[in-house]
């Protein structure tokens, strides 16, 4: 018995494994004692005592202050005097965009550049005008004003729809993005 106690104290309890076993025994002992002292557990209580209704940090009578709230009125696009309206600029750009097949890339880009933002011109540099997917306009330009200086224009074409994002930070409308949806 003496040798067993001596072995336990000198070798096992001083090793890493012995220390880990002692810590584990202490943790399980504390958990067991806490469960005994706490009494019977209600199985329907779950892991937390959450409130039955959501906690609201906003006054429900204050109204909607979110960014995504729908505006009460559609903003009217602002155009600098003497400059083309968003509809006119969308029509001009679409005509120049459709004139791509049969012309060189540089000529096509030169026709689009006065109506495009520098960012769009950079994106269109090197584009192949032969790959323009439509040939003619089949309807009127439809505008979706987003702000006074940002408008989306939808143009129906013979085999799809062209969507243009137009911006006018200084009152002069320029096309900033081109998107194509095939029908």
N, C-alpha and C. Protein backbone atom coordinates (compact mmCIF):
# COMPACT_ATOMS: atom_id res chain seq x y z
N UNK A 1 0.81 -1.19 0.00
CA UNK A 1 0.00 0.00 0.00
C UNK A 1 0.86 1.26 0.00
N UNK A 2 1.93 1.18 0.79
CA UNK A 2 2.82 2.32 0.88
C UNK A 2 3.48 2.60 -0.47
N UNK A 3 3.88 1.57 -1.16
CA UNK A 3 4.50 1.74 -2.47
C UNK A 3 3.50 2.30 -3.48
N UNK A 4 2.27 1.89 -3.38
CA UNK A 4 1.24 2.39 -4.29
C UNK A 4 1.01 3.88 -4.07
N UNK A 5 0.93 4.30 -2.81
CA UNK A 5 0.76 5.73 -2.52
C UNK A 5 2.00 6.52 -2.94
N UNK A 6 3.17 5.95 -2.68
CA UNK A 6 4.40 6.63 -3.08
C UNK A 6 4.47 6.78 -4.60
N UNK A 7 4.08 5.74 -5.34
CA UNK A 7 4.06 5.78 -6.81
C UNK A 7 3.06 6.84 -7.29
N UNK A 8 1.90 6.89 -6.63
CA UNK A 8 0.86 7.85 -7.02
C UNK A 8 1.34 9.28 -6.79
N UNK A 9 1.92 9.56 -5.66
CA UNK A 9 2.33 10.92 -5.32
C UNK A 9 3.56 11.35 -6.12
N UNK A 10 4.53 10.48 -6.29
CA UNK A 10 5.78 10.89 -6.93
C UNK A 10 5.74 10.85 -8.45
N UNK A 11 5.00 9.94 -9.01
CA UNK A 11 5.06 9.80 -10.47
C UNK A 11 3.79 10.24 -11.19
N UNK A 12 2.66 9.73 -10.81
CA UNK A 12 1.42 9.97 -11.56
C UNK A 12 0.94 11.40 -11.38
N UNK A 13 0.86 11.86 -10.14
CA UNK A 13 0.33 13.19 -9.90
C UNK A 13 1.27 14.30 -10.36
N UNK A 14 2.53 14.02 -10.54
CA UNK A 14 3.47 15.03 -11.01
C UNK A 14 3.63 15.02 -12.53
N UNK A 15 3.02 14.09 -13.20
CA UNK A 15 3.10 14.06 -14.67
C UNK A 15 1.97 14.90 -15.26
N UNK A 16 2.05 15.20 -16.55
CA UNK A 16 1.00 15.97 -17.23
C UNK A 16 -0.32 15.23 -17.22
N UNK A 17 -0.26 13.94 -17.41
CA UNK A 17 -1.48 13.14 -17.41
C UNK A 17 -2.14 13.16 -16.03
N UNK A 18 -1.36 13.10 -15.01
CA UNK A 18 -1.90 13.13 -13.66
C UNK A 18 -2.55 14.47 -13.34
N UNK A 19 -1.91 15.56 -13.75
CA UNK A 19 -2.47 16.90 -13.52
C UNK A 19 -3.78 17.05 -14.29
N UNK A 20 -3.82 16.56 -15.51
CA UNK A 20 -5.05 16.63 -16.32
C UNK A 20 -6.17 15.83 -15.67
N UNK A 21 -5.86 14.66 -15.13
CA UNK A 21 -6.88 13.84 -14.46
C UNK A 21 -7.40 14.52 -13.20
N UNK A 22 -6.54 15.18 -12.46
CA UNK A 22 -6.97 15.88 -11.25
C UNK A 22 -7.87 17.05 -11.61
N UNK A 23 -7.51 17.81 -12.65
CA UNK A 23 -8.34 18.95 -13.08
C UNK A 23 -9.69 18.46 -13.57
N UNK A 24 -9.72 17.38 -14.34
CA UNK A 24 -10.98 16.83 -14.83
C UNK A 24 -11.85 16.37 -13.67
N UNK A 25 -11.26 15.73 -12.67
CA UNK A 25 -12.03 15.28 -11.51
C UNK A 25 -12.61 16.48 -10.76
N UNK A 26 -11.85 17.56 -10.64
CA UNK A 26 -12.36 18.76 -9.97
C UNK A 26 -13.51 19.39 -10.75
N UNK A 27 -13.39 19.48 -12.07
CA UNK A 27 -14.45 20.07 -12.90
C UNK A 27 -15.73 19.26 -12.78
N UNK A 28 -15.63 17.95 -12.93
CA UNK A 28 -16.82 17.10 -12.81
C UNK A 28 -17.41 17.15 -11.41
N UNK A 29 -16.56 17.29 -10.41
CA UNK A 29 -17.04 17.40 -9.04
C UNK A 29 -17.83 18.69 -8.83
N UNK A 30 -17.34 19.81 -9.36
CA UNK A 30 -18.04 21.09 -9.23
C UNK A 30 -19.37 21.04 -9.98
N UNK A 31 -19.39 20.49 -11.20
CA UNK A 31 -20.63 20.39 -11.97
C UNK A 31 -21.64 19.50 -11.25
N UNK A 32 -21.19 18.37 -10.74
CA UNK A 32 -22.08 17.47 -10.01
C UNK A 32 -22.65 18.12 -8.77
N UNK A 33 -21.83 18.83 -8.02
CA UNK A 33 -22.30 19.50 -6.80
C UNK A 33 -23.32 20.59 -7.15
N UNK A 34 -23.08 21.32 -8.22
CA UNK A 34 -24.01 22.38 -8.64
C UNK A 34 -25.35 21.79 -9.04
N UNK A 35 -25.37 20.65 -9.72
CA UNK A 35 -26.63 20.02 -10.12
C UNK A 35 -27.39 19.49 -8.90
N UNK A 36 -26.66 19.01 -7.92
CA UNK A 36 -27.32 18.52 -6.72
C UNK A 36 -27.95 19.67 -5.93
N UNK A 37 -27.26 20.78 -5.86
CA UNK A 37 -27.74 21.92 -5.09
C UNK A 37 -28.89 22.62 -5.82
N UNK A 38 -28.89 22.66 -7.16
CA UNK A 38 -29.89 23.43 -7.92
C UNK A 38 -31.27 22.79 -7.89
N UNK A 39 -31.38 21.54 -7.63
CA UNK A 39 -32.68 20.89 -7.56
C UNK A 39 -33.13 20.37 -8.92
N UNK A 40 -34.41 19.96 -9.02
CA UNK A 40 -34.89 19.39 -10.27
C UNK A 40 -34.95 20.45 -11.38
N UNK A 41 -34.72 20.01 -12.60
CA UNK A 41 -34.68 20.90 -13.76
C UNK A 41 -35.96 20.74 -14.57
N UNK A 42 -36.53 21.87 -15.00
CA UNK A 42 -37.72 21.85 -15.85
C UNK A 42 -37.27 21.57 -17.29
N UNK A 43 -37.67 20.45 -17.92
CA UNK A 43 -37.20 20.13 -19.26
C UNK A 43 -37.73 21.09 -20.33
N UNK A 44 -38.80 21.82 -20.05
CA UNK A 44 -39.34 22.75 -21.05
C UNK A 44 -38.63 24.10 -21.02
N UNK A 45 -37.78 24.35 -20.04
CA UNK A 45 -37.12 25.65 -19.92
C UNK A 45 -36.05 25.85 -20.99
N UNK A 46 -35.46 24.80 -21.50
CA UNK A 46 -34.43 24.93 -22.52
C UNK A 46 -33.13 25.44 -21.94
N UNK A 47 -32.27 25.96 -22.82
CA UNK A 47 -30.96 26.41 -22.39
C UNK A 47 -30.98 27.85 -21.88
N UNK A 48 -32.03 28.59 -22.19
CA UNK A 48 -32.09 29.97 -21.74
C UNK A 48 -33.51 30.31 -21.33
N UNK A 49 -33.66 31.40 -20.69
CA UNK A 49 -34.98 31.87 -20.33
C UNK A 49 -35.32 33.08 -21.20
N UNK A 50 -35.43 32.84 -22.50
CA UNK A 50 -35.72 33.89 -23.46
C UNK A 50 -37.12 34.46 -23.24
N UNK A 51 -37.32 35.73 -23.55
CA UNK A 51 -38.66 36.30 -23.45
C UNK A 51 -39.56 35.72 -24.52
N UNK A 52 -40.86 35.72 -24.25
CA UNK A 52 -41.82 35.15 -25.21
C UNK A 52 -42.00 36.05 -26.42
N UNK A 53 -41.83 37.37 -26.29
CA UNK A 53 -42.00 38.31 -27.38
C UNK A 53 -40.65 38.94 -27.71
N UNK A 54 -40.46 39.40 -28.96
CA UNK A 54 -39.18 40.01 -29.31
C UNK A 54 -38.94 41.31 -28.53
N UNK A 55 -37.68 41.57 -28.27
CA UNK A 55 -37.30 42.79 -27.57
C UNK A 55 -37.13 43.88 -28.62
N UNK A 56 -37.84 44.95 -28.51
CA UNK A 56 -37.79 46.03 -29.47
C UNK A 56 -37.00 47.19 -28.88
N UNK A 57 -36.02 47.68 -29.64
CA UNK A 57 -35.24 48.83 -29.19
C UNK A 57 -35.67 50.09 -29.92
N UNK A 58 -36.70 49.98 -30.75
CA UNK A 58 -37.19 51.11 -31.54
C UNK A 58 -38.62 51.38 -31.13
N UNK A 59 -38.97 52.64 -31.03
CA UNK A 59 -40.34 53.01 -30.72
C UNK A 59 -41.22 52.67 -31.92
N UNK A 60 -42.20 51.77 -31.77
CA UNK A 60 -43.02 51.37 -32.92
C UNK A 60 -43.90 52.50 -33.43
N UNK A 61 -44.07 53.55 -32.67
CA UNK A 61 -44.90 54.67 -33.10
C UNK A 61 -44.08 55.73 -33.84
N UNK A 62 -42.75 55.59 -33.89
CA UNK A 62 -41.89 56.63 -34.45
C UNK A 62 -41.88 56.64 -35.96
N UNK A 63 -42.33 55.60 -36.63
CA UNK A 63 -42.31 55.56 -38.10
C UNK A 63 -41.08 54.84 -38.61
N UNK A 64 -40.99 54.72 -39.92
CA UNK A 64 -39.90 53.99 -40.56
C UNK A 64 -38.74 54.94 -40.84
N UNK A 65 -37.58 54.63 -40.28
CA UNK A 65 -36.41 55.46 -40.53
C UNK A 65 -35.34 54.72 -41.31
N UNK A 66 -35.71 53.61 -41.94
CA UNK A 66 -34.74 52.79 -42.67
C UNK A 66 -34.38 53.39 -44.01
N UNK A 67 -33.21 52.98 -44.51
CA UNK A 67 -32.74 53.44 -45.80
C UNK A 67 -33.55 52.86 -46.95
N UNK A 68 -34.14 51.69 -46.72
CA UNK A 68 -34.84 51.02 -47.79
C UNK A 68 -36.33 51.37 -47.83
N UNK A 69 -36.73 52.34 -47.06
CA UNK A 69 -38.14 52.70 -47.09
C UNK A 69 -38.48 53.31 -48.44
N UNK A 70 -39.67 53.05 -48.91
CA UNK A 70 -40.07 53.58 -50.21
C UNK A 70 -40.35 55.07 -50.08
N UNK A 71 -39.84 55.86 -51.01
CA UNK A 71 -40.06 57.30 -50.93
C UNK A 71 -41.53 57.63 -51.20
N UNK A 72 -41.97 58.71 -50.62
CA UNK A 72 -43.36 59.11 -50.82
C UNK A 72 -43.59 59.63 -52.22
N UNK A 73 -42.56 60.18 -52.84
CA UNK A 73 -42.69 60.65 -54.22
C UNK A 73 -41.44 60.26 -55.00
N UNK A 74 -41.61 60.03 -56.27
CA UNK A 74 -40.49 59.66 -57.12
C UNK A 74 -39.66 60.91 -57.39
N UNK A 75 -38.34 60.83 -57.19
CA UNK A 75 -37.51 62.02 -57.43
C UNK A 75 -37.49 62.36 -58.92
N UNK A 76 -37.45 63.62 -59.19
CA UNK A 76 -37.41 64.08 -60.58
C UNK A 76 -35.95 64.31 -60.98
N UNK A 77 -35.50 63.69 -62.09
CA UNK A 77 -34.11 63.88 -62.52
C UNK A 77 -33.82 65.35 -62.85
N UNK A 78 -32.68 65.84 -62.41
CA UNK A 78 -32.27 67.22 -62.67
C UNK A 78 -31.30 67.25 -63.84
N UNK A 79 -31.57 68.14 -64.78
CA UNK A 79 -30.72 68.30 -65.97
C UNK A 79 -30.25 69.75 -66.04
N UNK A 80 -28.98 69.94 -66.35
CA UNK A 80 -28.44 71.28 -66.53
C UNK A 80 -29.08 71.91 -67.77
N UNK A 81 -29.40 73.19 -67.75
CA UNK A 81 -30.02 73.83 -68.92
C UNK A 81 -29.14 73.68 -70.16
N UNK A 82 -29.79 73.32 -71.27
CA UNK A 82 -29.07 73.16 -72.54
C UNK A 82 -28.51 71.76 -72.76
N UNK A 83 -28.57 70.91 -71.74
CA UNK A 83 -28.05 69.54 -71.85
C UNK A 83 -29.19 68.58 -72.18
N UNK A 84 -28.88 67.44 -72.81
CA UNK A 84 -29.93 66.46 -73.11
C UNK A 84 -30.52 65.83 -71.85
N UNK A 85 -31.79 65.48 -71.91
CA UNK A 85 -32.47 64.81 -70.80
C UNK A 85 -31.98 63.36 -70.73
N UNK A 86 -32.29 62.66 -69.64
CA UNK A 86 -31.88 61.25 -69.56
C UNK A 86 -32.46 60.41 -70.71
N UNK A 87 -33.72 60.67 -71.10
CA UNK A 87 -34.32 59.92 -72.21
C UNK A 87 -33.55 60.15 -73.50
N UNK A 88 -33.21 61.42 -73.76
CA UNK A 88 -32.46 61.73 -74.98
C UNK A 88 -31.08 61.10 -74.97
N UNK A 89 -30.41 61.15 -73.83
CA UNK A 89 -29.07 60.56 -73.74
C UNK A 89 -29.14 59.05 -73.89
N UNK A 90 -30.15 58.41 -73.31
CA UNK A 90 -30.30 56.96 -73.45
C UNK A 90 -30.57 56.59 -74.91
N UNK A 91 -31.39 57.36 -75.59
CA UNK A 91 -31.67 57.10 -77.00
C UNK A 91 -30.42 57.27 -77.85
N UNK A 92 -29.67 58.34 -77.62
CA UNK A 92 -28.43 58.58 -78.38
C UNK A 92 -27.40 57.47 -78.13
N UNK A 93 -27.23 57.09 -76.87
CA UNK A 93 -26.27 56.05 -76.54
C UNK A 93 -26.67 54.73 -77.18
N UNK A 94 -27.97 54.39 -77.12
CA UNK A 94 -28.43 53.13 -77.70
C UNK A 94 -28.20 53.11 -79.20
N UNK A 95 -28.45 54.22 -79.88
CA UNK A 95 -28.20 54.30 -81.32
C UNK A 95 -26.72 54.08 -81.62
N UNK A 96 -25.85 54.71 -80.85
CA UNK A 96 -24.40 54.53 -81.06
C UNK A 96 -23.98 53.11 -80.70
N UNK A 97 -24.57 52.53 -79.67
CA UNK A 97 -24.22 51.17 -79.24
C UNK A 97 -24.63 50.16 -80.30
N UNK A 98 -25.80 50.35 -80.90
CA UNK A 98 -26.27 49.42 -81.94
C UNK A 98 -25.51 49.57 -83.25
N UNK A 99 -24.80 50.68 -83.43
CA UNK A 99 -24.04 50.88 -84.67
C UNK A 99 -22.70 50.14 -84.65
N UNK A 100 -22.46 49.32 -83.64
CA UNK A 100 -21.19 48.61 -83.51
C UNK A 100 -20.87 47.64 -84.62
N UNK A 101 -21.76 46.71 -84.98
CA UNK A 101 -21.43 45.75 -86.03
C UNK A 101 -21.11 46.45 -87.36
N UNK A 102 -20.00 46.04 -87.95
CA UNK A 102 -19.57 46.62 -89.22
C UNK A 102 -18.60 47.76 -89.06
N UNK A 103 -18.27 48.17 -87.84
CA UNK A 103 -17.31 49.25 -87.64
C UNK A 103 -16.16 48.75 -86.78
N UNK A 104 -15.08 49.50 -86.80
CA UNK A 104 -13.92 49.10 -85.99
C UNK A 104 -14.19 49.42 -84.52
N UNK A 105 -13.46 48.78 -83.65
CA UNK A 105 -13.62 48.99 -82.22
C UNK A 105 -13.32 50.41 -81.80
N UNK A 106 -12.31 51.02 -82.45
CA UNK A 106 -11.94 52.40 -82.10
C UNK A 106 -13.02 53.38 -82.53
N UNK A 107 -13.59 53.19 -83.72
CA UNK A 107 -14.66 54.09 -84.19
C UNK A 107 -15.89 53.96 -83.30
N UNK A 108 -16.24 52.73 -82.96
CA UNK A 108 -17.41 52.49 -82.11
C UNK A 108 -17.22 53.14 -80.73
N UNK A 109 -16.04 52.95 -80.14
CA UNK A 109 -15.75 53.53 -78.85
C UNK A 109 -15.74 55.06 -78.91
N UNK A 110 -15.26 55.62 -80.03
CA UNK A 110 -15.25 57.08 -80.20
C UNK A 110 -16.68 57.63 -80.24
N UNK A 111 -17.63 56.88 -80.79
CA UNK A 111 -19.03 57.33 -80.82
C UNK A 111 -19.66 57.25 -79.42
N UNK A 112 -19.25 56.26 -78.63
CA UNK A 112 -19.82 56.08 -77.29
C UNK A 112 -19.18 56.99 -76.24
N UNK A 113 -17.93 57.36 -76.43
CA UNK A 113 -17.16 58.08 -75.41
C UNK A 113 -17.79 59.40 -74.96
N UNK A 114 -18.34 60.25 -75.83
CA UNK A 114 -18.92 61.51 -75.34
C UNK A 114 -20.16 61.31 -74.46
N UNK A 115 -20.76 60.13 -74.52
CA UNK A 115 -21.98 59.88 -73.74
C UNK A 115 -21.73 58.95 -72.56
N UNK A 116 -20.47 58.59 -72.31
CA UNK A 116 -20.10 57.62 -71.27
C UNK A 116 -19.25 58.26 -70.20
N UNK A 117 -19.32 57.69 -69.00
CA UNK A 117 -18.41 58.11 -67.93
C UNK A 117 -17.03 57.53 -68.24
N UNK A 118 -15.98 58.11 -67.67
CA UNK A 118 -14.64 57.54 -67.89
C UNK A 118 -14.55 56.06 -67.45
N UNK A 119 -15.27 55.70 -66.40
CA UNK A 119 -15.23 54.31 -65.93
C UNK A 119 -15.82 53.37 -66.97
N UNK A 120 -16.94 53.75 -67.59
CA UNK A 120 -17.54 52.90 -68.63
C UNK A 120 -16.67 52.87 -69.86
N UNK A 121 -16.07 53.99 -70.22
CA UNK A 121 -15.17 54.01 -71.38
C UNK A 121 -14.02 53.04 -71.17
N UNK A 122 -13.46 53.02 -69.96
CA UNK A 122 -12.38 52.06 -69.66
C UNK A 122 -12.85 50.62 -69.80
N UNK A 123 -14.08 50.35 -69.34
CA UNK A 123 -14.60 48.98 -69.44
C UNK A 123 -14.86 48.58 -70.88
N UNK A 124 -15.27 49.52 -71.72
CA UNK A 124 -15.58 49.21 -73.11
C UNK A 124 -14.34 49.18 -74.00
N UNK A 125 -13.21 49.67 -73.51
CA UNK A 125 -11.98 49.64 -74.29
C UNK A 125 -11.61 48.19 -74.57
N UNK A 126 -11.43 47.88 -75.84
CA UNK A 126 -11.08 46.53 -76.24
C UNK A 126 -12.29 45.64 -76.50
N UNK A 127 -13.50 46.15 -76.28
CA UNK A 127 -14.70 45.35 -76.54
C UNK A 127 -14.89 45.20 -78.05
N UNK A 128 -15.46 44.09 -78.46
CA UNK A 128 -15.68 43.81 -79.87
C UNK A 128 -17.07 44.30 -80.27
N UNK A 129 -17.16 45.32 -81.15
CA UNK A 129 -18.47 45.84 -81.54
C UNK A 129 -19.30 44.83 -82.34
N UNK A 130 -18.66 43.82 -82.89
CA UNK A 130 -19.40 42.80 -83.65
C UNK A 130 -20.26 41.94 -82.72
N UNK A 131 -19.99 41.99 -81.44
CA UNK A 131 -20.71 41.14 -80.49
C UNK A 131 -21.92 41.84 -79.87
N UNK A 132 -22.30 43.01 -80.40
CA UNK A 132 -23.51 43.67 -79.92
C UNK A 132 -24.68 42.74 -80.26
N UNK A 133 -25.47 42.33 -79.25
CA UNK A 133 -26.44 41.26 -79.46
C UNK A 133 -27.76 41.67 -80.11
N UNK A 134 -27.94 42.93 -80.45
CA UNK A 134 -29.21 43.36 -81.03
C UNK A 134 -28.96 44.22 -82.26
N UNK A 135 -30.05 44.52 -82.99
CA UNK A 135 -29.91 45.30 -84.22
C UNK A 135 -30.75 46.56 -84.24
N UNK A 136 -31.91 46.55 -83.55
CA UNK A 136 -32.77 47.73 -83.62
C UNK A 136 -33.59 47.89 -82.35
N UNK A 137 -34.03 49.13 -82.14
CA UNK A 137 -34.90 49.48 -81.02
C UNK A 137 -36.33 49.16 -81.41
N UNK A 138 -37.09 48.57 -80.48
CA UNK A 138 -38.48 48.20 -80.79
C UNK A 138 -39.51 48.95 -79.94
N UNK A 139 -39.10 49.85 -79.08
CA UNK A 139 -40.04 50.57 -78.24
C UNK A 139 -39.43 51.83 -77.67
N UNK A 140 -40.17 52.45 -76.77
CA UNK A 140 -39.75 53.71 -76.16
C UNK A 140 -38.87 53.46 -74.93
N UNK A 141 -38.07 54.44 -74.61
CA UNK A 141 -37.23 54.40 -73.41
C UNK A 141 -38.13 54.55 -72.19
N UNK A 142 -37.92 53.68 -71.20
CA UNK A 142 -38.63 53.76 -69.93
C UNK A 142 -37.62 54.12 -68.85
N UNK A 143 -37.92 55.18 -68.11
CA UNK A 143 -37.00 55.62 -67.05
C UNK A 143 -37.47 55.16 -65.69
N UNK A 144 -36.49 54.80 -64.86
CA UNK A 144 -36.73 54.51 -63.44
C UNK A 144 -35.85 55.46 -62.63
N UNK A 145 -36.38 56.63 -62.27
CA UNK A 145 -35.56 57.55 -61.48
C UNK A 145 -35.29 56.98 -60.09
N UNK A 146 -34.04 56.99 -59.68
CA UNK A 146 -33.66 56.54 -58.34
C UNK A 146 -33.38 57.73 -57.44
N UNK A 147 -32.65 58.70 -57.96
CA UNK A 147 -32.40 59.96 -57.25
C UNK A 147 -32.42 61.06 -58.30
N UNK A 148 -32.11 62.27 -57.88
CA UNK A 148 -32.08 63.39 -58.83
C UNK A 148 -30.92 63.25 -59.81
N UNK A 149 -29.90 62.47 -59.45
CA UNK A 149 -28.72 62.36 -60.32
C UNK A 149 -28.41 60.91 -60.71
N UNK A 150 -29.36 59.99 -60.52
CA UNK A 150 -29.17 58.59 -60.92
C UNK A 150 -30.48 58.06 -61.46
N UNK A 151 -30.43 57.53 -62.70
CA UNK A 151 -31.62 57.04 -63.40
C UNK A 151 -31.26 55.73 -64.09
N UNK A 152 -32.19 54.78 -64.09
CA UNK A 152 -32.04 53.58 -64.91
C UNK A 152 -32.97 53.71 -66.10
N UNK A 153 -32.44 53.43 -67.27
CA UNK A 153 -33.23 53.50 -68.50
C UNK A 153 -33.35 52.09 -69.07
N UNK A 154 -34.58 51.70 -69.43
CA UNK A 154 -34.83 50.40 -70.05
C UNK A 154 -35.25 50.64 -71.49
N UNK A 155 -34.55 49.99 -72.42
CA UNK A 155 -34.81 50.16 -73.85
C UNK A 155 -35.11 48.80 -74.45
N UNK A 156 -36.33 48.58 -74.96
CA UNK A 156 -36.64 47.30 -75.60
C UNK A 156 -35.99 47.22 -76.98
N UNK A 157 -35.31 46.11 -77.24
CA UNK A 157 -34.66 45.88 -78.53
C UNK A 157 -35.26 44.65 -79.19
N UNK A 158 -34.82 44.35 -80.41
CA UNK A 158 -35.44 43.27 -81.19
C UNK A 158 -35.33 41.90 -80.54
N UNK A 159 -34.32 41.63 -79.75
CA UNK A 159 -34.22 40.31 -79.12
C UNK A 159 -33.80 40.39 -77.65
N UNK A 160 -34.19 41.48 -76.99
CA UNK A 160 -33.87 41.61 -75.58
C UNK A 160 -34.16 43.00 -75.06
N UNK A 161 -33.55 43.31 -73.92
CA UNK A 161 -33.76 44.61 -73.31
C UNK A 161 -32.41 45.15 -72.86
N UNK A 162 -32.16 46.41 -73.14
CA UNK A 162 -30.94 47.09 -72.75
C UNK A 162 -31.24 47.93 -71.52
N UNK A 163 -30.42 47.78 -70.48
CA UNK A 163 -30.57 48.60 -69.28
C UNK A 163 -29.34 49.47 -69.15
N UNK A 164 -29.57 50.77 -69.06
CA UNK A 164 -28.50 51.73 -68.90
C UNK A 164 -28.63 52.42 -67.55
N UNK A 165 -27.53 52.55 -66.84
CA UNK A 165 -27.48 53.36 -65.62
C UNK A 165 -26.89 54.70 -66.01
N UNK A 166 -27.66 55.75 -65.82
CA UNK A 166 -27.21 57.10 -66.16
C UNK A 166 -27.00 57.90 -64.89
N UNK A 167 -25.90 58.65 -64.85
CA UNK A 167 -25.58 59.49 -63.70
C UNK A 167 -25.37 60.92 -64.18
N UNK A 168 -25.68 61.87 -63.31
CA UNK A 168 -25.49 63.29 -63.63
C UNK A 168 -25.03 64.02 -62.38
N UNK A 169 -23.78 63.80 -61.96
CA UNK A 169 -23.33 64.47 -60.74
C UNK A 169 -23.30 65.99 -60.88
N UNK A 170 -23.12 66.49 -62.10
CA UNK A 170 -23.08 67.94 -62.30
C UNK A 170 -24.22 68.43 -63.20
N UNK A 171 -25.24 67.60 -63.42
CA UNK A 171 -26.38 68.01 -64.24
C UNK A 171 -26.29 67.54 -65.68
N UNK A 172 -25.15 66.99 -66.09
CA UNK A 172 -24.97 66.46 -67.45
C UNK A 172 -25.05 64.95 -67.37
N UNK A 173 -26.01 64.35 -68.07
CA UNK A 173 -26.26 62.91 -67.98
C UNK A 173 -25.25 62.14 -68.81
N UNK A 174 -24.67 61.11 -68.19
CA UNK A 174 -23.73 60.20 -68.85
C UNK A 174 -24.09 58.76 -68.48
N UNK A 175 -23.84 57.84 -69.40
CA UNK A 175 -24.11 56.43 -69.14
C UNK A 175 -22.94 55.87 -68.34
N UNK A 176 -23.27 55.20 -67.22
CA UNK A 176 -22.25 54.66 -66.33
C UNK A 176 -22.16 53.15 -66.39
N UNK A 177 -23.25 52.48 -66.80
CA UNK A 177 -23.24 51.01 -66.87
C UNK A 177 -24.20 50.55 -67.95
N UNK A 178 -23.84 49.43 -68.60
CA UNK A 178 -24.66 48.83 -69.65
C UNK A 178 -24.91 47.39 -69.25
N UNK A 179 -26.19 46.98 -69.32
CA UNK A 179 -26.55 45.61 -69.02
C UNK A 179 -27.51 45.13 -70.09
N UNK A 180 -27.42 43.86 -70.44
CA UNK A 180 -28.20 43.28 -71.50
C UNK A 180 -28.98 42.07 -70.99
N UNK A 181 -30.28 42.02 -71.29
CA UNK A 181 -31.09 40.87 -70.93
C UNK A 181 -31.70 40.31 -72.21
N UNK A 182 -31.36 39.07 -72.52
CA UNK A 182 -31.90 38.43 -73.71
C UNK A 182 -33.31 37.89 -73.41
N UNK A 183 -34.18 37.99 -74.40
CA UNK A 183 -35.55 37.48 -74.22
C UNK A 183 -35.70 36.11 -74.82
